[in-house]
Amino acid sequence: MQDNSQPEPPRRDNSASRHAQAEPKDAIFTSIMWIMIANVLVGALMAIAAETMNLPPAVGQVGLGLVLVCGGIYFFFRWFQRKEARRRLEQNGGSDPE
């Protein structure tokens, strides 16, 4: 009996697929990030409204502060989310059951 099966081609290490696998599916990370995006948008609207509607400068400053703080928290949680996903992948031996 002949084995006509061809050898499997070598798999390429595609960084995009690794990146997609490194994203955890936890709802808490997603929720926090959406809340931070909403806060950044509210802060930007406050800053723009303060300039266009002649509101007190404190409104614009609070809006700018909200943008900076929530933007920083957003990027921190993106970094932390990826770090946790990589840790989980290493714990599971490279296979993510989720």
Protein backbone atom coordinates (compact mmCIF):
# COMPACT_ATOMS: atom_id res chain seq x y z
CA MET A 1 0.00 0.00 0.00
CA GLN A 2 1.44 3.35 -1.03
CA ASP A 3 1.22 6.44 1.05
CA ASN A 4 0.38 9.25 -1.38
CA SER A 5 0.06 11.90 1.27
CA GLN A 6 2.31 14.87 0.83
CA PRO A 7 4.31 16.26 3.68
CA GLU A 8 2.72 19.16 5.45
CA PRO A 9 4.23 22.50 4.37
CA PRO A 10 6.18 24.32 7.05
CA ARG A 11 4.08 26.76 9.02
CA ARG A 12 5.04 30.37 8.87
CA ASP A 13 5.22 32.31 12.08
CA ASN A 14 2.80 35.07 11.17
CA SER A 15 3.00 37.92 13.67
CA ALA A 16 -0.57 39.01 12.88
CA SER A 17 -1.95 35.62 13.88
CA ARG A 18 0.18 35.61 17.03
CA HIS A 19 -1.11 39.07 17.84
CA ALA A 20 -4.71 37.95 17.35
CA GLN A 21 -4.12 34.96 19.62
CA ALA A 22 -2.60 37.20 22.28
CA GLU A 23 -5.86 39.09 22.81
CA PRO A 24 -7.71 37.77 25.86
CA LYS A 25 -11.46 37.40 25.68
CA ASP A 26 -12.14 38.75 29.16
CA ALA A 27 -15.10 41.06 29.36
CA ILE A 28 -13.52 43.14 32.13
CA PHE A 29 -10.70 44.39 29.89
CA THR A 30 -13.11 45.22 27.10
CA SER A 31 -15.49 47.00 29.47
CA ILE A 32 -12.75 49.12 31.02
CA MET A 33 -11.40 50.07 27.63
CA TRP A 34 -14.84 51.12 26.31
CA ILE A 35 -15.42 53.22 29.43
CA MET A 36 -12.05 54.93 28.93
CA ILE A 37 -12.86 55.63 25.27
CA ALA A 38 -16.18 57.17 26.33
CA ASN A 39 -14.40 59.32 28.94
CA VAL A 40 -11.87 60.53 26.36
CA LEU A 41 -14.71 61.51 24.02
CA VAL A 42 -16.55 63.37 26.81
CA GLY A 43 -13.35 65.20 27.76
CA ALA A 44 -12.70 66.16 24.14
CA LEU A 45 -16.26 67.47 23.80
CA MET A 46 -15.85 69.49 27.00
CA ALA A 47 -12.62 71.03 25.75
CA ILE A 48 -14.12 71.86 22.35
CA ALA A 49 -17.30 73.25 23.90
CA ALA A 50 -15.30 75.46 26.25
CA GLU A 51 -13.52 77.02 23.26
CA THR A 52 -16.49 77.41 20.94
CA MET A 53 -19.20 78.47 23.43
CA ASN A 54 -17.10 80.87 25.49
CA LEU A 55 -17.45 78.74 28.62
CA PRO A 56 -15.14 79.30 31.59
CA PRO A 57 -11.56 78.12 30.96
CA ALA A 58 -11.88 75.63 33.83
CA VAL A 59 -14.32 73.56 31.74
CA GLY A 60 -11.75 73.22 28.97
CA GLN A 61 -9.00 72.40 31.45
CA VAL A 62 -11.10 69.69 33.09
CA GLY A 63 -11.89 68.28 29.65
CA LEU A 64 -8.24 68.25 28.66
CA GLY A 65 -7.31 66.61 31.97
CA LEU A 66 -9.97 63.97 31.41
CA VAL A 67 -8.59 63.25 27.95
CA LEU A 68 -5.03 62.91 29.21
CA VAL A 69 -5.80 60.80 32.28
CA CYS A 70 -8.31 58.47 30.64
CA GLY A 71 -6.16 58.18 27.53
CA GLY A 72 -3.24 57.10 29.70
CA ILE A 73 -5.39 54.58 31.55
CA TYR A 74 -6.68 53.26 28.21
CA PHE A 75 -3.17 52.63 26.89
CA PHE A 76 -2.12 51.07 30.21
CA PHE A 77 -4.99 48.60 30.04
CA ARG A 78 -4.21 47.75 26.39
CA TRP A 79 -0.65 46.93 27.45
CA PHE A 80 -1.86 44.97 30.48
CA GLN A 81 -4.43 43.08 28.38
CA ARG A 82 -1.78 41.89 25.94
CA LYS A 83 0.59 40.97 28.77
CA GLU A 84 -2.11 38.84 30.42
CA ALA A 85 -2.97 37.16 27.13
CA ARG A 86 0.67 36.22 26.53
CA ARG A 87 0.93 34.86 30.06
CA ARG A 88 -2.19 32.74 29.54
CA LEU A 89 -0.90 31.42 26.24
CA GLU A 90 2.37 30.40 27.89
CA GLN A 91 0.49 28.72 30.75
CA ASN A 92 -1.72 26.78 28.33
CA GLY A 93 1.24 25.62 26.28
CA GLY A 94 0.46 27.82 23.31
CA SER A 95 -3.16 26.75 22.92
CA ASP A 96 -5.91 29.05 24.13
CA PRO A 97 -9.04 27.04 24.96
CA GLU A 98 -11.28 30.13 25.05
